[in-house]
C-alpha atoms as a PDB file:
ATOM      1  CA  MET A   1      78.536  52.481  98.435  1.00  0.00           C
ATOM      2  CA  SER A   2      76.093  50.964  95.983  1.00  0.00           C
ATOM      3  CA  PHE A   3      75.296  52.730  92.729  1.00  0.00           C
ATOM      4  CA  LYS A   4      73.139  49.964  91.286  1.00  0.00           C
ATOM      5  CA  ILE A   5      69.797  50.897  89.799  1.00  0.00           C
ATOM      6  CA  GLU A   6      67.155  48.900  91.645  1.00  0.00           C
ATOM      7  CA  SER A   7      64.369  47.161  89.746  1.00  0.00           C
ATOM      8  CA  VAL A   8      60.905  46.324  90.983  1.00  0.00           C
ATOM      9  CA  LEU A   9      61.952  42.692  91.393  1.00  0.00           C
ATOM     10  CA  THR A  10      65.089  43.420  93.420  1.00  0.00           C
ATOM     11  CA  LEU A  11      63.155  45.847  95.595  1.00  0.00           C
ATOM     12  CA  GLN A  12      60.500  43.232  96.305  1.00  0.00           C
ATOM     13  CA  LYS A  13      63.197  40.722  97.273  1.00  0.00           C
ATOM     14  CA  LYS A  14      64.419  43.187  99.904  1.00  0.00           C
ATOM     15  CA  LYS A  15      61.209  42.560 101.849  1.00  0.00           C
ATOM     16  CA  PHE A  16      62.771  39.324 103.009  1.00  0.00           C
ATOM     17  CA  GLN A  17      66.395  40.530 103.185  1.00  0.00           C
ATOM     18  CA  SER A  18      66.791  44.032 104.604  1.00  0.00           C
ATOM     19  CA  LYS A  19      64.960  47.255 105.379  1.00  0.00           C
ATOM     20  CA  ILE A  20      64.194  49.593 102.472  1.00  0.00           C
ATOM     21  CA  SER A  21      65.270  53.232 102.731  1.00  0.00           C
ATOM     22  CA  MET A  22      63.409  55.958 100.866  1.00  0.00           C
ATOM     23  CA  LEU A  23      63.659  59.758 100.908  1.00  0.00           C
ATOM     24  CA  THR A  24      61.830  62.512  99.097  1.00  0.00           C
ATOM     25  CA  CYS A  25      63.764  64.843  96.823  1.00  0.00           C
ATOM     26  CA  TYR A  26      62.749  67.810  94.690  1.00  0.00           C
ATOM     27  CA  ASP A  27      65.888  69.288  93.131  1.00  0.00           C
ATOM     28  CA  PHE A  28      68.956  68.431  91.069  1.00  0.00           C
ATOM     29  CA  GLN A  29      71.663  69.135  93.656  1.00  0.00           C
ATOM     30  CA  THR A  30      70.009  67.182  96.468  1.00  0.00           C
ATOM     31  CA  ALA A  31      69.473  64.338  94.003  1.00  0.00           C
ATOM     32  CA  GLN A  32      73.195  64.386  93.194  1.00  0.00           C
ATOM     33  CA  MET A  33      73.910  63.943  96.896  1.00  0.00           C
ATOM     34  CA  LEU A  34      71.445  61.057  97.222  1.00  0.00           C
ATOM     35  CA  ASN A  35      72.875  59.442  94.109  1.00  0.00           C
ATOM     36  CA  GLU A  36      76.141  58.922  96.038  1.00  0.00           C
ATOM     37  CA  THR A  37      74.458  57.137  98.964  1.00  0.00           C
ATOM     38  CA  ASP A  38      72.963  53.693  99.495  1.00  0.00           C
ATOM     39  CA  VAL A  39      69.381  54.985  99.648  1.00  0.00           C
ATOM     40  CA  ASP A  40      67.144  52.471  97.861  1.00  0.00           C
ATOM     41  CA  LEU A  41      64.413  54.747  96.534  1.00  0.00           C
ATOM     42  CA  ILE A  42      63.890  58.426  95.828  1.00  0.00           C
ATOM     43  CA  LEU A  43      60.372  59.825  95.879  1.00  0.00           C
ATOM     44  CA  VAL A  44      59.559  63.044  94.058  1.00  0.00           C
ATOM     45  CA  GLY A  45      56.591  63.751  96.285  1.00  0.00           C
ATOM     46  CA  ASP A  46      53.736  66.130  95.716  1.00  0.00           C
ATOM     47  CA  SER A  47      54.726  67.306  99.195  1.00  0.00           C
ATOM     48  CA  LEU A  48      56.750  69.783  97.143  1.00  0.00           C
ATOM     49  CA  GLY A  49      53.550  71.804  97.308  1.00  0.00           C
ATOM     50  CA  ASN A  50      54.177  72.265 101.039  1.00  0.00           C
ATOM     51  CA  VAL A  51      57.956  72.419 101.388  1.00  0.00           C
ATOM     52  CA  ILE A  52      58.917  74.014  98.064  1.00  0.00           C
ATOM     53  CA  LEU A  53      55.902  76.054  96.973  1.00  0.00           C
ATOM     54  CA  GLY A  54      54.700  77.046 100.443  1.00  0.00           C
ATOM     55  CA  GLU A  55      51.134  75.767 100.057  1.00  0.00           C
ATOM     56  CA  SER A  56      49.126  74.490 103.031  1.00  0.00           C
ATOM     57  CA  THR A  57      48.129  71.299 101.164  1.00  0.00           C
ATOM     58  CA  THR A  58      49.294  69.303  98.146  1.00  0.00           C
ATOM     59  CA  LEU A  59      46.110  70.001  96.174  1.00  0.00           C
ATOM     60  CA  SER A  60      47.521  72.789  94.001  1.00  0.00           C
ATOM     61  CA  VAL A  61      50.354  70.641  92.634  1.00  0.00           C
ATOM     62  CA  THR A  62      49.949  69.864  88.932  1.00  0.00           C
ATOM     63  CA  VAL A  63      51.235  67.287  86.470  1.00  0.00           C
ATOM     64  CA  GLU A  64      53.549  69.953  85.033  1.00  0.00           C
ATOM     65  CA  HIS A  65      55.053  70.530  88.482  1.00  0.00           C
ATOM     66  CA  MET A  66      55.720  66.808  88.880  1.00  0.00           C
ATOM     67  CA  LYS A  67      57.256  66.593  85.419  1.00  0.00           C
ATOM     68  CA  ILE A  68      59.618  69.525  85.962  1.00  0.00           C
ATOM     69  CA  PHE A  69      60.764  68.532  89.451  1.00  0.00           C
ATOM     70  CA  GLY A  70      60.822  64.834  88.556  1.00  0.00           C
ATOM     71  CA  LYS A  71      63.092  65.439  85.577  1.00  0.00           C
ATOM     72  CA  ALA A  72      65.484  67.531  87.675  1.00  0.00           C
ATOM     73  CA  VAL A  73      65.723  64.791  90.302  1.00  0.00           C
ATOM     74  CA  LYS A  74      66.289  62.015  87.773  1.00  0.00           C
ATOM     75  CA  LYS A  75      69.043  64.042  86.115  1.00  0.00           C
ATOM     76  CA  GLY A  76      70.754  64.395  89.467  1.00  0.00           C
ATOM     77  CA  ALA A  77      70.255  60.762  90.467  1.00  0.00           C
ATOM     78  CA  PRO A  78      70.558  58.694  87.272  1.00  0.00           C
ATOM     79  CA  ASN A  79      71.574  55.571  89.203  1.00  0.00           C
ATOM     80  CA  LYS A  80      68.609  55.547  91.565  1.00  0.00           C
ATOM     81  CA  PHE A  81      65.103  54.116  91.368  1.00  0.00           C
ATOM     82  CA  VAL A  82      62.952  57.256  91.228  1.00  0.00           C
ATOM     83  CA  VAL A  83      59.224  57.289  91.978  1.00  0.00           C
ATOM     84  CA  VAL A  84      57.114  60.314  91.015  1.00  0.00           C
ATOM     85  CA  ASP A  85      53.814  61.149  92.702  1.00  0.00           C
ATOM     86  CA  MET A  86      50.703  61.401  90.580  1.00  0.00           C
ATOM     87  CA  PRO A  87      49.201  64.722  91.749  1.00  0.00           C
ATOM     88  CA  PHE A  88      45.639  65.507  92.790  1.00  0.00           C
ATOM     89  CA  ALA A  89      42.963  64.985  90.087  1.00  0.00           C
ATOM     90  CA  SER A  90      45.499  63.651  87.562  1.00  0.00           C
ATOM     91  CA  TYR A  91      44.047  60.115  87.851  1.00  0.00           C
ATOM     92  CA  ASP A  92      40.387  60.799  88.612  1.00  0.00           C
ATOM     93  CA  THR A  93      39.514  58.503  85.708  1.00  0.00           C
ATOM     94  CA  VAL A  94      41.360  55.505  84.321  1.00  0.00           C
ATOM     95  CA  SER A  95      41.895  57.174  80.948  1.00  0.00           C
ATOM     96  CA  ARG A  96      43.337  60.361  82.483  1.00  0.00           C
ATOM     97  CA  GLY A  97      45.502  58.313  84.799  1.00  0.00           C
ATOM     98  CA  LEU A  98      46.926  56.270  81.919  1.00  0.00           C
ATOM     99  CA  ARG A  99      47.698  59.402  79.942  1.00  0.00           C
ATOM    100  CA  HIS A 100      49.270  61.355  82.779  1.00  0.00           C
ATOM    101  CA  ALA A 101      51.306  58.460  84.189  1.00  0.00           C
ATOM    102  CA  SER A 102      52.850  57.623  80.825  1.00  0.00           C
ATOM    103  CA  ASP A 103      53.473  61.332  80.183  1.00  0.00           C
ATOM    104  CA  ILE A 104      55.246  61.735  83.535  1.00  0.00           C
ATOM    105  CA  LEU A 105      57.471  58.685  82.989  1.00  0.00           C
ATOM    106  CA  GLN A 106      58.343  59.625  79.418  1.00  0.00           C
ATOM    107  CA  PHE A 107      59.246  63.194  80.371  1.00  0.00           C
ATOM    108  CA  THR A 108      61.120  62.506  83.619  1.00  0.00           C
ATOM    109  CA  GLN A 109      62.662  59.123  82.736  1.00  0.00           C
ATOM    110  CA  ALA A 110      61.742  58.005  86.271  1.00  0.00           C
ATOM    111  CA  GLU A 111      61.132  54.345  87.045  1.00  0.00           C
ATOM    112  CA  ALA A 112      57.651  54.432  88.616  1.00  0.00           C
ATOM    113  CA  VAL A 113      54.702  56.508  89.789  1.00  0.00           C
ATOM    114  CA  LYS A 114      52.810  56.567  93.096  1.00  0.00           C
ATOM    115  CA  ILE A 115      49.030  56.731  93.461  1.00  0.00           C
ATOM    116  CA  GLU A 116      47.048  57.506  96.615  1.00  0.00           C
ATOM    117  CA  GLY A 117      44.021  55.350  97.399  1.00  0.00           C
ATOM    118  CA  ALA A 118      42.592  51.943  96.594  1.00  0.00           C
ATOM    119  CA  TYR A 119      39.162  52.563  95.125  1.00  0.00           C
ATOM    120  CA  PRO A 120      38.078  50.060  92.434  1.00  0.00           C
ATOM    121  CA  TYR A 121      38.866  52.418  89.551  1.00  0.00           C
ATOM    122  CA  GLN A 122      42.316  53.134  91.060  1.00  0.00           C
ATOM    123  CA  CYS A 123      43.061  49.426  91.276  1.00  0.00           C
ATOM    124  CA  GLU A 124      41.908  49.067  87.671  1.00  0.00           C
ATOM    125  CA  LEU A 125      44.267  51.903  86.730  1.00  0.00           C
ATOM    126  CA  ILE A 126      47.181  50.203  88.503  1.00  0.00           C
ATOM    127  CA  GLU A 127      46.441  46.980  86.640  1.00  0.00           C
ATOM    128  CA  ARG A 128      46.191  48.788  83.294  1.00  0.00           C
ATOM    129  CA  LEU A 129      49.421  50.687  83.925  1.00  0.00           C
ATOM    130  CA  GLY A 130      51.164  47.424  84.701  1.00  0.00           C
ATOM    131  CA  MET A 131      50.043  46.096  81.338  1.00  0.00           C
ATOM    132  CA  ILE A 132      51.853  48.919  79.530  1.00  0.00           C
ATOM    133  CA  GLY A 133      54.972  48.658  81.696  1.00  0.00           C
ATOM    134  CA  VAL A 134      54.421  51.420  84.255  1.00  0.00           C
ATOM    135  CA  PRO A 135      55.251  50.246  87.803  1.00  0.00           C
ATOM    136  CA  VAL A 136      52.976  51.716  90.478  1.00  0.00           C
ATOM    137  CA  MET A 137      53.530  52.227  94.190  1.00  0.00           C
ATOM    138  CA  GLY A 138      50.348  52.350  96.262  1.00  0.00           C
ATOM    139  CA  HIS A 139      49.596  54.642  99.210  1.00  0.00           C
ATOM    140  CA  ILE A 140      46.992  54.152 101.957  1.00  0.00           C
ATOM    141  CA  GLY A 141      46.267  55.446 105.446  1.00  0.00           C
ATOM    142  CA  LEU A 142      46.632  59.202 105.621  1.00  0.00           C
ATOM    143  CA  ARG A 143      46.271  60.449 102.056  1.00  0.00           C
ATOM    144  CA  PRO A 144      47.270  64.138 101.848  1.00  0.00           C
ATOM    145  CA  GLN A 145      45.329  64.592  98.594  1.00  0.00           C
ATOM    146  CA  SER A 146      42.173  63.614 100.508  1.00  0.00           C
ATOM    147  CA  VAL A 147      42.884  65.692 103.604  1.00  0.00           C
ATOM    148  CA  HIS A 148      39.487  67.423 103.478  1.00  0.00           C
ATOM    149  CA  THR A 149      37.442  64.232 103.165  1.00  0.00           C
ATOM    150  CA  GLN A 150      39.580  62.423 105.746  1.00  0.00           C
ATOM    151  CA  GLY A 151      39.122  65.176 108.311  1.00  0.00           C
ATOM    152  CA  GLY A 152      42.681  66.431 108.571  1.00  0.00           C
ATOM    153  CA  TYR A 153      45.987  64.845 109.494  1.00  0.00           C
ATOM    154  CA  HIS A 154      45.669  62.018 112.024  1.00  0.00           C
ATOM    155  CA  LYS A 155      46.429  58.350 112.701  1.00  0.00           C
ATOM    156  CA  HIS A 156      44.450  55.729 110.809  1.00  0.00           C
ATOM    157  CA  GLY A 157      43.454  52.214 111.800  1.00  0.00           C
ATOM    158  CA  LYS A 158      42.336  52.955 115.354  1.00  0.00           C
ATOM    159  CA  ASP A 159      38.900  51.293 115.227  1.00  0.00           C
ATOM    160  CA  SER A 160      37.836  47.915 113.862  1.00  0.00           C
ATOM    161  CA  GLU A 161      36.092  49.334 110.803  1.00  0.00           C
ATOM    162  CA  SER A 162      39.138  51.372 109.804  1.00  0.00           C
ATOM    163  CA  LYS A 163      41.433  48.397 110.407  1.00  0.00           C
ATOM    164  CA  MET A 164      39.351  46.127 108.172  1.00  0.00           C
ATOM    165  CA  LYS A 165      39.196  48.799 105.470  1.00  0.00           C
ATOM    166  CA  LEU A 166      42.957  49.353 105.423  1.00  0.00           C
ATOM    167  CA  MET A 167      43.693  45.636 105.446  1.00  0.00           C
ATOM    168  CA  GLN A 168      41.371  45.104 102.472  1.00  0.00           C
ATOM    169  CA  GLU A 169      42.812  48.095 100.617  1.00  0.00           C
ATOM    170  CA  SER A 170      46.318  46.675 100.962  1.00  0.00           C
ATOM    171  CA  LYS A 171      45.143  43.325  99.580  1.00  0.00           C
ATOM    172  CA  ASN A 172      43.379  45.038  96.682  1.00  0.00           C
ATOM    173  CA  LEU A 173      46.474  47.049  95.775  1.00  0.00           C
ATOM    174  CA  GLU A 174      48.655  43.950  95.828  1.00  0.00           C
ATOM    175  CA  ALA A 175      46.171  42.071  93.653  1.00  0.00           C
ATOM    176  CA  ALA A 176      46.080  44.992  91.202  1.00  0.00           C
ATOM    177  CA  GLY A 177      49.845  44.801  90.755  1.00  0.00           C
ATOM    178  CA  ALA A 178      51.280  47.537  92.988  1.00  0.00           C
ATOM    179  CA  PHE A 179      54.956  46.719  93.601  1.00  0.00           C
ATOM    180  CA  ALA A 180      54.979  48.324  97.080  1.00  0.00           C
ATOM    181  CA  ILE A 181      52.661  50.269  99.381  1.00  0.00           C
ATOM    182  CA  VAL A 182      53.266  53.382 101.465  1.00  0.00           C
ATOM    183  CA  LEU A 183      51.514  53.239 104.846  1.00  0.00           C
ATOM    184  CA  GLU A 184      51.163  56.791 106.123  1.00  0.00           C
ATOM    185  CA  CYS A 185      50.187  57.448 109.748  1.00  0.00           C
ATOM    186  CA  VAL A 186      48.788  53.946 110.265  1.00  0.00           C
ATOM    187  CA  GLU A 187      48.710  52.427 113.762  1.00  0.00           C
ATOM    188  CA  GLU A 188      51.896  50.416 114.338  1.00  0.00           C
ATOM    189  CA  GLU A 189      50.289  47.057 115.125  1.00  0.00           C
ATOM    190  CA  LEU A 190      48.022  47.318 112.084  1.00  0.00           C
ATOM    191  CA  SER A 191      51.038  48.244 109.954  1.00  0.00           C
ATOM    192  CA  LYS A 192      52.686  45.034 111.139  1.00  0.00           C
ATOM    193  CA  LYS A 193      49.616  42.942 110.297  1.00  0.00           C
ATOM    194  CA  ILE A 194      49.418  44.463 106.832  1.00  0.00           C
ATOM    195  CA  THR A 195      53.148  43.956 106.287  1.00  0.00           C
ATOM    196  CA  ASP A 196      53.002  40.325 107.400  1.00  0.00           C
ATOM    197  CA  SER A 197      50.015  39.618 105.158  1.00  0.00           C
ATOM    198  CA  LEU A 198      51.566  40.920 101.938  1.00  0.00           C
ATOM    199  CA  LYS A 199      54.200  39.572  99.568  1.00  0.00           C
ATOM    200  CA  ILE A 200      55.085  43.104  98.439  1.00  0.00           C
ATOM    201  CA  PRO A 201      57.017  45.587 100.611  1.00  0.00           C
ATOM    202  CA  THR A 202      55.408  48.181 102.854  1.00  0.00           C
ATOM    203  CA  ILE A 203      57.096  51.526 103.397  1.00  0.00           C
ATOM    204  CA  GLY A 204      56.012  53.440 106.464  1.00  0.00           C
ATOM    205  CA  ILE A 205      55.893  57.113 107.319  1.00  0.00           C
ATOM    206  CA  GLY A 206      54.667  57.785 110.821  1.00  0.00           C
ATOM    207  CA  SER A 207      53.533  54.144 111.039  1.00  0.00           C
ATOM    208  CA  GLY A 208      56.072  52.665 113.434  1.00  0.00           C
ATOM    209  CA  SER A 209      59.031  50.376 112.828  1.00  0.00           C
ATOM    210  CA  LYS A 210      57.267  47.096 111.996  1.00  0.00           C
ATOM    211  CA  VAL A 211      57.214  47.707 108.265  1.00  0.00           C
ATOM    212  CA  ASP A 212      59.590  46.781 105.440  1.00  0.00           C
ATOM    213  CA  GLY A 213      61.021  50.261 105.025  1.00  0.00           C
ATOM    214  CA  GLN A 214      60.779  53.929 105.897  1.00  0.00           C
ATOM    215  CA  VAL A 215      60.301  57.153 103.967  1.00  0.00           C
ATOM    216  CA  LEU A 216      60.711  60.721 105.191  1.00  0.00           C
ATOM    217  CA  VAL A 217      60.506  64.152 103.620  1.00  0.00           C
ATOM    218  CA  ILE A 218      64.180  65.099 103.379  1.00  0.00           C
ATOM    219  CA  ASN A 219      63.352  68.705 104.278  1.00  0.00           C
ATOM    220  CA  ASP A 220      61.897  67.433 107.561  1.00  0.00           C
ATOM    221  CA  LEU A 221      64.873  65.145 108.218  1.00  0.00           C
ATOM    222  CA  PHE A 222      67.229  68.121 107.892  1.00  0.00           C
ATOM    223  CA  HIS A 223      64.796  70.627 109.467  1.00  0.00           C
ATOM    224  CA  ASN A 224      65.147  72.927 106.457  1.00  0.00           C
ATOM    225  CA  GLY A 225      62.100  75.017 107.341  1.00  0.00           C
ATOM    226  CA  LYS A 226      61.220  77.443 110.090  1.00  0.00           C
ATOM    227  CA  ASN A 227      58.370  75.322 111.464  1.00  0.00           C
ATOM    228  CA  ASP A 228      58.879  72.052 113.334  1.00  0.00           C
ATOM    229  CA  PRO A 229      58.452  68.868 111.259  1.00  0.00           C
ATOM    230  CA  PRO A 230      55.760  66.252 112.111  1.00  0.00           C
ATOM    231  CA  LYS A 231      56.140  64.618 115.531  1.00  0.00           C
ATOM    232  CA  PHE A 232      57.138  61.258 114.042  1.00  0.00           C
ATOM    233  CA  CYS A 233      60.188  62.838 112.364  1.00  0.00           C
ATOM    234  CA  HIS A 234      63.302  63.359 114.456  1.00  0.00           C
ATOM    235  CA  PRO A 235      65.601  65.717 112.489  1.00  0.00           C
ATOM    236  CA  VAL A 236      69.290  64.819 112.359  1.00  0.00           C
ATOM    237  CA  ILE A 237      70.215  68.520 112.245  1.00  0.00           C
ATOM    238  CA  ASN A 238      68.505  71.922 112.225  1.00  0.00           C
ATOM    239  CA  LEU A 239      69.695  73.341 108.916  1.00  0.00           C
ATOM    240  CA  PHE A 240      67.342  76.310 109.201  1.00  0.00           C
ATOM    241  CA  GLU A 241      69.260  77.577 112.216  1.00  0.00           C
ATOM    242  CA  GLU A 242      72.634  76.586 110.763  1.00  0.00           C
ATOM    243  CA  LYS A 243      71.980  78.466 107.533  1.00  0.00           C
ATOM    244  CA  GLN A 244      70.732  81.492 109.465  1.00  0.00           C
ATOM    245  CA  LYS A 245      73.978  81.550 111.423  1.00  0.00           C
ATOM    246  CA  TRP A 246      76.153  81.532 108.308  1.00  0.00           C
ATOM    247  CA  LEU A 247      73.928  84.048 106.525  1.00  0.00           C
ATOM    248  CA  LYS A 248      74.326  86.471 109.432  1.00  0.00           C
ATOM    249  CA  LYS A 249      78.085  85.984 109.314  1.00  0.00           C
ATOM    250  CA  TYR A 250      78.154  86.704 105.568  1.00  0.00           C
ATOM    251  CA  ILE A 251      76.014  89.849 105.946  1.00  0.00           C
ATOM    252  CA  GLU A 252      78.199  91.135 108.780  1.00  0.00           C
ATOM    253  CA  GLU A 253      81.373  90.580 106.735  1.00  0.00           C
ATOM    254  CA  VAL A 254      79.889  92.394 103.744  1.00  0.00           C
ATOM    255  CA  LYS A 255      78.911  95.369 105.922  1.00  0.00           C
ATOM    256  CA  LYS A 256      82.472  95.471 107.324  1.00  0.00           C
ATOM    257  CA  GLY A 257      83.897  95.564 103.813  1.00  0.00           C
ATOM    258  CA  GLN A 258      85.451  92.123 104.051  1.00  0.00           C
END
């Protein structure tokens, strides 16, 4: 097993060497487990709003949430490259983005932040953050923080206009200095074209296999919740049912006086 802390440079080299593995994590004990694996990256995602806080979207997640959960994860996985999501409205201006990103990194001791979108001001923010030593991972395609303006959760890059837009966004993020880009729910062939056109790695989620790496919500991978995970995720186990089984056994033994 490898316990080496990855840097931005070594991660970028992996684009031409091997696939990059990434998983979300939100707590200290799960982070401890991941710290003893060969996973390349850990993402403290604002998806904690859904799987931890029970919200229907990620929009209620705050900077304070990301700081608290991010710090817990980094404590549990000190040898891993940890990326923390910038939550909704925390980077709606360049100045706010600079302040919140540096605050998150200083508090959590994580290695990088992730930003959704590729608007001009967001690319400027990525460039400015790079200047002060804050690595940024980009994120295009389905952007959960923009679920209302994007019209829900669906595949992106189906028509020519959307394909051109996503291709240009990926180029803009690379030019701004993003060290990698998450492609969420992007058509597989478009994901391949974007991946082939970039020097930085692409990490897919629901975007097929023709990317440089994959990320999944660990709660979906283990089927921790009652509801089924997204269709693109194939759980390795159903922990919800397994835990229910052992909980029932415990309750029965208590009632029997054991």
